């Protein structure tokens, strides 16, 4: 399925905006064109001390972990995000052909997402156990977050997994 290009809003936390030296932030739009256009960006360190941007989709909580280089600039983050988004869209059935036409850096405090992201960042601070590494040798930090259930995206009273909700959202968009 082919969707027309549309802007993507990256909602920067204060720490992320400071790290990227972004001073002007647009207000968040009220009516996104579809689920993949709004993402929250937070800056953190993982258990090994690596600086990361945690980039989480507002609708699905699907998350990218983008390593932050020491002199990371706004265009670097945009390029990394576009690349990761392109690969993530290939995970769905049918394939979704869509590219953002521009990246808008926005401000907002979507509580539902911030609470879940705080949990994600907390989990990133702990080294995976040996048992987890042996059970899932190919599981990295990003996969672990996307395979962790969150109540913010599940049906009422239940939890759901970001990777499954992401794929379902792609399928729903194609209908």
N, C-alpha and C. Protein backbone atom coordinates (compact mmCIF):
# COMPACT_ATOMS: atom_id res chain seq x y z
N UNK A 1 0.84 -1.18 0.00
CA UNK A 1 0.00 0.00 0.00
C UNK A 1 0.88 1.24 0.00
N UNK A 2 0.48 2.25 -0.73
CA UNK A 2 1.24 3.50 -0.82
C UNK A 2 0.44 4.61 -0.16
N UNK A 3 1.07 5.30 0.76
CA UNK A 3 0.47 6.46 1.41
C UNK A 3 1.18 7.71 0.93
N UNK A 4 0.47 8.82 0.79
CA UNK A 4 1.15 10.06 0.39
C UNK A 4 2.08 10.53 1.51
N UNK A 5 3.17 11.18 1.15
CA UNK A 5 4.08 11.70 2.18
C UNK A 5 3.35 12.68 3.09
N UNK A 6 3.72 12.66 4.35
CA UNK A 6 3.16 13.59 5.32
C UNK A 6 4.24 13.88 6.36
N UNK A 7 4.11 14.97 7.10
CA UNK A 7 5.13 15.30 8.10
C UNK A 7 5.06 14.35 9.30
N UNK A 8 6.20 14.17 9.93
CA UNK A 8 6.32 13.41 11.17
C UNK A 8 6.71 14.37 12.26
N UNK A 9 6.08 14.21 13.41
CA UNK A 9 6.41 15.05 14.56
C UNK A 9 7.23 14.25 15.55
N UNK A 10 8.42 14.74 15.85
CA UNK A 10 9.25 14.17 16.90
C UNK A 10 9.10 15.09 18.11
N UNK A 11 8.48 14.58 19.16
CA UNK A 11 8.20 15.36 20.35
C UNK A 11 9.40 15.21 21.28
N UNK A 12 10.16 16.26 21.41
CA UNK A 12 11.40 16.21 22.18
C UNK A 12 11.15 16.50 23.66
N UNK A 13 11.74 15.66 24.51
CA UNK A 13 11.76 15.98 25.93
C UNK A 13 12.73 17.14 26.13
N UNK A 14 12.74 17.73 27.31
CA UNK A 14 13.68 18.82 27.57
C UNK A 14 15.12 18.35 27.43
N UNK A 15 15.41 17.15 27.94
CA UNK A 15 16.78 16.62 27.85
C UNK A 15 17.18 16.37 26.41
N UNK A 16 16.27 15.82 25.61
CA UNK A 16 16.57 15.55 24.20
C UNK A 16 16.77 16.86 23.44
N UNK A 17 15.92 17.84 23.69
CA UNK A 17 16.05 19.15 23.02
C UNK A 17 17.37 19.81 23.37
N UNK A 18 17.75 19.73 24.64
CA UNK A 18 19.02 20.32 25.07
C UNK A 18 20.20 19.59 24.43
N UNK A 19 20.14 18.27 24.39
CA UNK A 19 21.21 17.48 23.79
C UNK A 19 21.40 17.80 22.31
N UNK A 20 20.29 18.03 21.62
CA UNK A 20 20.33 18.34 20.18
C UNK A 20 20.45 19.83 19.89
N UNK A 21 20.40 20.64 20.94
CA UNK A 21 20.47 22.10 20.82
C UNK A 21 19.33 22.65 19.97
N UNK A 22 18.13 22.11 20.19
CA UNK A 22 16.93 22.59 19.50
C UNK A 22 16.20 23.53 20.44
N UNK A 23 16.06 24.77 20.03
CA UNK A 23 15.42 25.76 20.90
C UNK A 23 13.96 26.04 20.50
N UNK A 24 13.67 25.99 19.23
CA UNK A 24 12.32 26.28 18.75
C UNK A 24 11.57 24.97 18.52
N UNK A 25 10.50 24.77 19.27
CA UNK A 25 9.69 23.57 19.12
C UNK A 25 8.27 23.98 18.74
N UNK A 26 7.73 23.32 17.75
CA UNK A 26 6.35 23.59 17.31
C UNK A 26 5.37 22.92 18.27
N UNK A 27 4.15 23.43 18.36
CA UNK A 27 3.14 22.72 19.15
C UNK A 27 2.75 21.42 18.44
N UNK A 28 2.35 20.43 19.22
CA UNK A 28 1.92 19.15 18.68
C UNK A 28 0.57 19.31 17.98
N UNK A 29 0.44 18.70 16.81
CA UNK A 29 -0.84 18.79 16.10
C UNK A 29 -1.88 17.91 16.77
N UNK A 30 -3.14 18.29 16.65
CA UNK A 30 -4.22 17.58 17.31
C UNK A 30 -4.74 16.39 16.51
N UNK A 31 -4.65 16.46 15.20
CA UNK A 31 -5.23 15.42 14.35
C UNK A 31 -4.18 14.79 13.45
N UNK A 32 -3.45 13.78 13.96
CA UNK A 32 -2.45 13.14 13.10
C UNK A 32 -3.12 12.39 11.96
N UNK A 33 -2.46 12.35 10.81
CA UNK A 33 -3.04 11.70 9.64
C UNK A 33 -3.10 10.18 9.78
N UNK A 34 -2.17 9.59 10.52
CA UNK A 34 -2.21 8.15 10.83
C UNK A 34 -1.27 7.87 12.00
N UNK A 35 -1.23 6.62 12.42
CA UNK A 35 -0.54 6.24 13.66
C UNK A 35 0.96 6.50 13.65
N UNK A 36 1.62 6.50 12.50
CA UNK A 36 3.08 6.56 12.44
C UNK A 36 3.66 7.96 12.40
N UNK A 37 2.85 8.99 12.59
CA UNK A 37 3.37 10.35 12.41
C UNK A 37 3.77 11.06 13.70
N UNK A 38 3.52 10.47 14.87
CA UNK A 38 3.89 11.15 16.11
C UNK A 38 4.74 10.23 16.98
N UNK A 39 5.92 10.75 17.37
CA UNK A 39 6.90 10.00 18.14
C UNK A 39 7.45 10.88 19.26
N UNK A 40 7.70 10.31 20.40
CA UNK A 40 8.30 11.03 21.54
C UNK A 40 9.77 10.62 21.62
N UNK A 41 10.65 11.59 21.86
CA UNK A 41 12.09 11.35 21.94
C UNK A 41 12.58 11.74 23.33
N UNK A 42 13.23 10.79 23.99
CA UNK A 42 13.84 11.01 25.30
C UNK A 42 15.30 10.63 25.22
N UNK A 43 16.11 11.24 26.05
CA UNK A 43 17.54 10.98 26.10
C UNK A 43 17.83 10.23 27.40
N UNK A 44 18.64 9.16 27.33
CA UNK A 44 18.98 8.42 28.54
C UNK A 44 20.30 7.68 28.35
N UNK A 45 20.71 6.99 29.40
CA UNK A 45 21.87 6.09 29.36
C UNK A 45 21.38 4.69 29.69
N UNK A 46 21.96 3.70 29.02
CA UNK A 46 21.60 2.33 29.34
C UNK A 46 22.50 1.80 30.45
N UNK A 47 22.36 0.52 30.76
CA UNK A 47 23.11 -0.08 31.87
C UNK A 47 24.62 -0.03 31.64
N UNK A 48 25.07 0.00 30.38
CA UNK A 48 26.50 0.04 30.07
C UNK A 48 27.03 1.46 29.95
N UNK A 49 26.18 2.46 30.17
CA UNK A 49 26.61 3.86 30.09
C UNK A 49 26.54 4.46 28.70
N UNK A 50 25.96 3.76 27.76
CA UNK A 50 25.83 4.28 26.40
C UNK A 50 24.70 5.30 26.35
N UNK A 51 24.97 6.45 25.73
CA UNK A 51 23.94 7.48 25.54
C UNK A 51 23.01 7.07 24.40
N UNK A 52 21.71 7.16 24.68
CA UNK A 52 20.71 6.73 23.71
C UNK A 52 19.59 7.75 23.58
N UNK A 53 19.02 7.81 22.39
CA UNK A 53 17.73 8.45 22.20
C UNK A 53 16.71 7.32 22.17
N UNK A 54 15.72 7.40 23.04
CA UNK A 54 14.61 6.46 23.05
C UNK A 54 13.49 7.13 22.27
N UNK A 55 13.15 6.57 21.11
CA UNK A 55 12.17 7.16 20.20
C UNK A 55 10.96 6.23 20.16
N UNK A 56 9.83 6.70 20.71
CA UNK A 56 8.66 5.85 20.90
C UNK A 56 7.45 6.41 20.17
N UNK A 57 6.78 5.54 19.43
CA UNK A 57 5.56 5.91 18.72
C UNK A 57 4.43 6.13 19.71
N UNK A 58 3.70 7.22 19.59
CA UNK A 58 2.63 7.55 20.53
C UNK A 58 1.49 6.54 20.50
N UNK A 59 1.14 6.04 19.34
CA UNK A 59 -0.03 5.16 19.23
C UNK A 59 0.25 3.72 19.62
N UNK A 60 1.48 3.24 19.38
CA UNK A 60 1.76 1.81 19.56
C UNK A 60 2.81 1.51 20.62
N UNK A 61 3.55 2.52 21.07
CA UNK A 61 4.70 2.39 21.97
C UNK A 61 5.85 1.60 21.34
N UNK A 62 5.80 1.39 20.03
CA UNK A 62 6.91 0.76 19.32
C UNK A 62 8.10 1.70 19.45
N UNK A 63 9.27 1.15 19.78
CA UNK A 63 10.40 1.98 20.18
C UNK A 63 11.66 1.67 19.40
N UNK A 64 12.38 2.73 19.04
CA UNK A 64 13.72 2.64 18.47
C UNK A 64 14.70 3.13 19.53
N UNK A 65 15.84 2.48 19.62
CA UNK A 65 16.94 2.98 20.44
C UNK A 65 18.01 3.44 19.46
N UNK A 66 18.25 4.75 19.44
CA UNK A 66 19.23 5.31 18.52
C UNK A 66 20.42 5.80 19.34
N UNK A 67 21.60 5.20 19.14
CA UNK A 67 22.78 5.65 19.89
C UNK A 67 23.06 7.11 19.59
N UNK A 68 23.42 7.83 20.65
CA UNK A 68 23.73 9.25 20.49
C UNK A 68 25.24 9.42 20.44
N UNK A 69 25.71 9.89 19.29
CA UNK A 69 27.13 10.20 19.15
C UNK A 69 27.45 11.46 19.95
N UNK A 70 28.71 11.63 20.28
CA UNK A 70 29.08 12.76 21.12
C UNK A 70 28.71 14.10 20.50
N UNK A 71 28.86 14.22 19.21
CA UNK A 71 28.51 15.48 18.53
C UNK A 71 27.30 15.29 17.64
N UNK A 72 26.31 14.59 18.14
CA UNK A 72 25.08 14.32 17.38
C UNK A 72 24.36 15.63 17.09
N UNK A 73 23.92 15.77 15.86
CA UNK A 73 23.18 16.96 15.46
C UNK A 73 21.75 16.56 15.09
N UNK A 74 20.95 17.55 14.92
CA UNK A 74 19.56 17.33 14.54
C UNK A 74 19.44 16.56 13.22
N UNK A 75 20.21 16.94 12.17
CA UNK A 75 20.13 16.15 10.92
C UNK A 75 20.56 14.69 11.11
N UNK A 76 21.52 14.43 12.02
CA UNK A 76 21.92 13.05 12.29
C UNK A 76 20.75 12.25 12.85
N UNK A 77 20.05 12.82 13.82
CA UNK A 77 18.90 12.13 14.39
C UNK A 77 17.81 11.92 13.33
N UNK A 78 17.56 12.92 12.52
CA UNK A 78 16.56 12.79 11.45
C UNK A 78 16.91 11.66 10.50
N UNK A 79 18.17 11.59 10.08
CA UNK A 79 18.61 10.55 9.14
C UNK A 79 18.47 9.16 9.79
N UNK A 80 18.92 9.03 11.03
CA UNK A 80 18.81 7.73 11.72
C UNK A 80 17.34 7.33 11.90
N UNK A 81 16.51 8.30 12.26
CA UNK A 81 15.09 8.01 12.45
C UNK A 81 14.44 7.56 11.14
N UNK A 82 14.69 8.28 10.06
CA UNK A 82 14.10 7.91 8.76
C UNK A 82 14.52 6.49 8.35
N UNK A 83 15.78 6.15 8.58
CA UNK A 83 16.27 4.81 8.24
C UNK A 83 15.56 3.75 9.06
N UNK A 84 15.48 3.97 10.37
CA UNK A 84 14.84 2.99 11.25
C UNK A 84 13.34 2.87 10.95
N UNK A 85 12.69 3.99 10.67
CA UNK A 85 11.27 3.96 10.34
C UNK A 85 11.03 3.17 9.05
N UNK A 86 11.89 3.38 8.06
CA UNK A 86 11.75 2.65 6.80
C UNK A 86 11.81 1.15 7.00
N UNK A 87 12.76 0.69 7.82
CA UNK A 87 12.86 -0.74 8.09
C UNK A 87 11.68 -1.24 8.92
N UNK A 88 11.22 -0.45 9.87
CA UNK A 88 10.10 -0.87 10.72
C UNK A 88 8.82 -1.03 9.90
N UNK A 89 8.64 -0.20 8.89
CA UNK A 89 7.45 -0.30 8.05
C UNK A 89 7.46 -1.56 7.18
N UNK A 90 8.63 -2.14 6.99
CA UNK A 90 8.74 -3.38 6.20
C UNK A 90 8.26 -4.59 6.98
N UNK A 91 8.03 -4.43 8.29
CA UNK A 91 7.63 -5.57 9.13
C UNK A 91 6.17 -5.96 8.95
N UNK A 92 5.38 -5.07 8.39
CA UNK A 92 3.95 -5.33 8.30
C UNK A 92 3.54 -6.08 7.05
N UNK A 93 2.32 -6.57 7.09
CA UNK A 93 1.69 -7.22 5.93
C UNK A 93 0.38 -6.51 5.67
N UNK A 94 0.15 -5.94 4.58
CA UNK A 94 1.02 -5.82 3.42
C UNK A 94 2.09 -4.75 3.67
N UNK A 95 3.07 -4.72 2.79
CA UNK A 95 4.13 -3.73 2.93
C UNK A 95 3.54 -2.34 2.78
N UNK A 96 3.96 -1.46 3.66
CA UNK A 96 3.49 -0.08 3.65
C UNK A 96 4.57 0.81 3.07
N UNK A 97 4.30 1.43 1.94
CA UNK A 97 5.25 2.32 1.29
C UNK A 97 4.90 3.76 1.68
N UNK A 98 5.63 4.27 2.64
CA UNK A 98 5.38 5.63 3.11
C UNK A 98 6.67 6.24 3.61
N UNK A 99 6.85 7.50 3.29
CA UNK A 99 8.02 8.23 3.76
C UNK A 99 7.56 9.59 4.26
N UNK A 100 8.10 10.01 5.41
CA UNK A 100 7.74 11.36 5.87
C UNK A 100 8.36 12.40 4.93
N UNK A 101 7.59 13.46 4.63
CA UNK A 101 8.15 14.49 3.77
C UNK A 101 9.00 15.49 4.55
N UNK A 102 8.70 15.65 5.84
CA UNK A 102 9.53 16.51 6.67
C UNK A 102 9.43 16.03 8.12
N UNK A 103 10.44 16.40 8.90
CA UNK A 103 10.45 16.09 10.32
C UNK A 103 10.24 17.41 11.06
N UNK A 104 9.24 17.44 11.91
CA UNK A 104 8.94 18.62 12.71
C UNK A 104 9.27 18.29 14.17
N UNK A 105 10.08 19.12 14.79
CA UNK A 105 10.38 18.94 16.21
C UNK A 105 9.32 19.68 17.01
N UNK A 106 8.63 18.95 17.87
CA UNK A 106 7.47 19.49 18.58
C UNK A 106 7.65 19.38 20.08
N UNK A 107 6.73 20.02 20.81
CA UNK A 107 6.71 19.93 22.26
C UNK A 107 5.31 19.49 22.70
N UNK A 108 5.29 18.68 23.73
CA UNK A 108 4.05 18.22 24.33
C UNK A 108 4.41 17.28 25.47
N UNK A 109 3.44 16.94 26.27
CA UNK A 109 3.65 16.00 27.37
C UNK A 109 2.54 14.96 27.38
N UNK A 110 2.56 14.04 26.39
CA UNK A 110 1.52 13.01 26.36
C UNK A 110 1.72 12.03 27.53
N UNK A 111 0.91 12.18 28.55
CA UNK A 111 1.10 11.45 29.81
C UNK A 111 1.14 9.95 29.65
N UNK A 112 0.26 9.42 28.84
CA UNK A 112 0.20 7.97 28.64
C UNK A 112 1.56 7.45 28.15
N UNK A 113 2.15 8.15 27.22
CA UNK A 113 3.42 7.72 26.64
C UNK A 113 4.58 7.99 27.59
N UNK A 114 4.56 9.13 28.26
CA UNK A 114 5.65 9.47 29.17
C UNK A 114 5.77 8.43 30.29
N UNK A 115 4.65 8.01 30.85
CA UNK A 115 4.69 7.00 31.90
C UNK A 115 5.31 5.70 31.42
N UNK A 116 4.90 5.25 30.25
CA UNK A 116 5.46 4.01 29.69
C UNK A 116 6.93 4.19 29.35
N UNK A 117 7.30 5.35 28.81
CA UNK A 117 8.71 5.60 28.48
C UNK A 117 9.56 5.64 29.74
N UNK A 118 9.02 6.20 30.83
CA UNK A 118 9.76 6.17 32.09
C UNK A 118 10.05 4.74 32.51
N UNK A 119 9.07 3.84 32.34
CA UNK A 119 9.29 2.43 32.63
C UNK A 119 10.37 1.84 31.71
N UNK A 120 10.34 2.20 30.43
CA UNK A 120 11.34 1.70 29.49
C UNK A 120 12.74 2.14 29.91
N UNK A 121 12.87 3.42 30.23
CA UNK A 121 14.17 3.96 30.61
C UNK A 121 14.66 3.32 31.90
N UNK A 122 13.77 3.09 32.82
CA UNK A 122 14.13 2.40 34.07
C UNK A 122 14.66 0.99 33.75
N UNK A 123 13.97 0.27 32.86
CA UNK A 123 14.41 -1.08 32.49
C UNK A 123 15.76 -1.09 31.78
N UNK A 124 16.06 -0.03 31.03
CA UNK A 124 17.34 0.04 30.33
C UNK A 124 18.53 0.19 31.27
N UNK A 125 18.27 0.57 32.51
CA UNK A 125 19.35 0.80 33.47
C UNK A 125 19.91 -0.49 34.06
N UNK A 126 19.25 -1.63 33.79
CA UNK A 126 19.69 -2.89 34.38
C UNK A 126 20.25 -3.82 33.32
N UNK A 127 21.40 -4.39 33.63
CA UNK A 127 22.02 -5.34 32.73
C UNK A 127 21.16 -6.60 32.62
N UNK A 128 20.99 -7.12 31.41
CA UNK A 128 20.20 -8.35 31.27
C UNK A 128 20.83 -9.49 32.07
N UNK A 129 19.99 -10.30 32.66
CA UNK A 129 20.49 -11.42 33.46
C UNK A 129 21.10 -12.48 32.56
N UNK A 130 21.94 -13.30 33.13
CA UNK A 130 22.55 -14.39 32.37
C UNK A 130 21.50 -15.36 31.86
N UNK A 131 20.48 -15.61 32.66
CA UNK A 131 19.40 -16.52 32.24
C UNK A 131 18.68 -15.97 31.02
N UNK A 132 18.42 -14.66 30.99
CA UNK A 132 17.76 -14.05 29.84
C UNK A 132 18.64 -14.12 28.61
N UNK A 133 19.93 -13.88 28.78
CA UNK A 133 20.85 -13.95 27.64
C UNK A 133 20.95 -15.36 27.07
N UNK A 134 20.91 -16.35 27.95
CA UNK A 134 20.98 -17.73 27.48
C UNK A 134 19.68 -18.15 26.80
N UNK A 135 18.57 -17.72 27.35
CA UNK A 135 17.27 -18.08 26.78
C UNK A 135 17.03 -17.39 25.43
N UNK A 136 17.49 -16.14 25.31
CA UNK A 136 17.29 -15.36 24.09
C UNK A 136 18.62 -14.71 23.68
N UNK A 137 19.54 -15.48 23.07
CA UNK A 137 20.87 -14.93 22.77
C UNK A 137 20.86 -13.79 21.76
N UNK A 138 19.86 -13.70 20.90
CA UNK A 138 19.83 -12.64 19.89
C UNK A 138 18.99 -11.44 20.31
N UNK A 139 18.42 -11.48 21.50
CA UNK A 139 17.55 -10.40 21.98
C UNK A 139 18.39 -9.20 22.42
N UNK A 140 18.19 -8.05 21.77
CA UNK A 140 18.91 -6.85 22.20
C UNK A 140 17.96 -5.96 23.01
N UNK A 141 18.49 -4.83 23.49
CA UNK A 141 17.69 -3.95 24.35
C UNK A 141 16.41 -3.47 23.67
N UNK A 142 16.52 -3.12 22.40
CA UNK A 142 15.35 -2.62 21.66
C UNK A 142 14.30 -3.72 21.52
N UNK A 143 14.71 -4.91 21.14
CA UNK A 143 13.76 -6.02 21.03
C UNK A 143 13.10 -6.30 22.37
N UNK A 144 13.89 -6.23 23.43
CA UNK A 144 13.35 -6.48 24.76
C UNK A 144 12.23 -5.48 25.09
N UNK A 145 12.45 -4.19 24.78
CA UNK A 145 11.42 -3.18 25.03
C UNK A 145 10.17 -3.44 24.19
N UNK A 146 10.36 -3.80 22.93
CA UNK A 146 9.22 -4.02 22.04
C UNK A 146 8.49 -5.32 22.32
N UNK A 147 9.10 -6.21 23.12
CA UNK A 147 8.46 -7.47 23.53
C UNK A 147 7.97 -7.39 24.97
N UNK A 148 7.97 -6.21 25.56
CA UNK A 148 7.49 -6.03 26.93
C UNK A 148 6.05 -5.52 26.88
N UNK A 149 5.13 -6.15 27.60
CA UNK A 149 3.73 -5.69 27.55
C UNK A 149 3.53 -4.39 28.32
N UNK A 150 2.66 -3.53 27.80
CA UNK A 150 2.30 -2.26 28.43
C UNK A 150 0.79 -2.12 28.45
N UNK A 151 0.27 -1.63 29.55
CA UNK A 151 -1.18 -1.45 29.66
C UNK A 151 -1.67 -0.25 28.85
N UNK A 152 -0.80 0.71 28.56
CA UNK A 152 -1.21 1.91 27.83
C UNK A 152 -1.70 1.61 26.42
N UNK A 153 -1.32 0.47 25.86
CA UNK A 153 -1.73 0.15 24.49
C UNK A 153 -2.66 -1.06 24.42
N UNK A 154 -2.90 -1.69 25.54
CA UNK A 154 -3.75 -2.87 25.54
C UNK A 154 -5.22 -2.51 25.66
N UNK A 155 -6.08 -3.48 25.36
CA UNK A 155 -7.51 -3.25 25.58
C UNK A 155 -7.75 -3.02 27.08
N UNK A 156 -8.86 -2.43 27.42
CA UNK A 156 -9.14 -2.05 28.80
C UNK A 156 -8.90 -3.22 29.76
N UNK A 157 -8.07 -2.96 30.76
CA UNK A 157 -7.79 -3.97 31.77
C UNK A 157 -6.77 -5.02 31.36
N UNK A 158 -6.18 -4.88 30.17
CA UNK A 158 -5.21 -5.86 29.69
C UNK A 158 -3.97 -5.15 29.18
N UNK A 159 -2.96 -5.91 28.87
CA UNK A 159 -1.71 -5.37 28.34
C UNK A 159 -1.50 -5.89 26.92
N UNK A 160 -0.66 -5.18 26.18
CA UNK A 160 -0.32 -5.63 24.84
C UNK A 160 1.15 -5.31 24.58
N UNK A 161 1.67 -5.90 23.51
CA UNK A 161 3.08 -5.78 23.17
C UNK A 161 3.26 -4.77 22.04
N UNK A 162 4.22 -3.83 22.19
CA UNK A 162 4.41 -2.81 21.14
C UNK A 162 4.65 -3.37 19.75
N UNK A 163 5.45 -4.43 19.62
CA UNK A 163 5.72 -4.95 18.29
C UNK A 163 4.45 -5.52 17.63
N UNK A 164 3.60 -6.14 18.41
CA UNK A 164 2.35 -6.69 17.86
C UNK A 164 1.36 -5.58 17.50
N UNK A 165 1.30 -4.55 18.34
CA UNK A 165 0.40 -3.42 18.08
C UNK A 165 0.88 -2.66 16.84
N UNK A 166 2.20 -2.52 16.66
CA UNK A 166 2.77 -1.85 15.50
C UNK A 166 2.36 -2.57 14.21
N UNK A 167 2.54 -3.89 14.18
CA UNK A 167 2.18 -4.67 13.00
C UNK A 167 0.68 -4.62 12.73
N UNK A 168 -0.12 -4.67 13.78
CA UNK A 168 -1.58 -4.58 13.61
C UNK A 168 -1.98 -3.21 13.07
N UNK A 169 -1.30 -2.15 13.53
CA UNK A 169 -1.60 -0.80 13.03
C UNK A 169 -1.28 -0.67 11.54
N UNK A 170 -0.20 -1.28 11.10
CA UNK A 170 0.14 -1.27 9.68
C UNK A 170 -0.95 -1.98 8.88
N UNK A 171 -1.37 -3.14 9.37
CA UNK A 171 -2.43 -3.91 8.69
C UNK A 171 -3.75 -3.12 8.65
N UNK A 172 -4.09 -2.45 9.75
CA UNK A 172 -5.32 -1.65 9.79
C UNK A 172 -5.27 -0.48 8.82
N UNK A 173 -4.12 0.11 8.66
CA UNK A 173 -3.96 1.24 7.74
C UNK A 173 -4.14 0.79 6.29
N UNK A 174 -3.74 -0.45 6.02
CA UNK A 174 -3.84 -0.96 4.66
C UNK A 174 -5.26 -1.34 4.25
N UNK A 175 -6.15 -1.48 5.22
CA UNK A 175 -7.53 -1.88 4.90
C UNK A 175 -8.32 -0.77 4.27
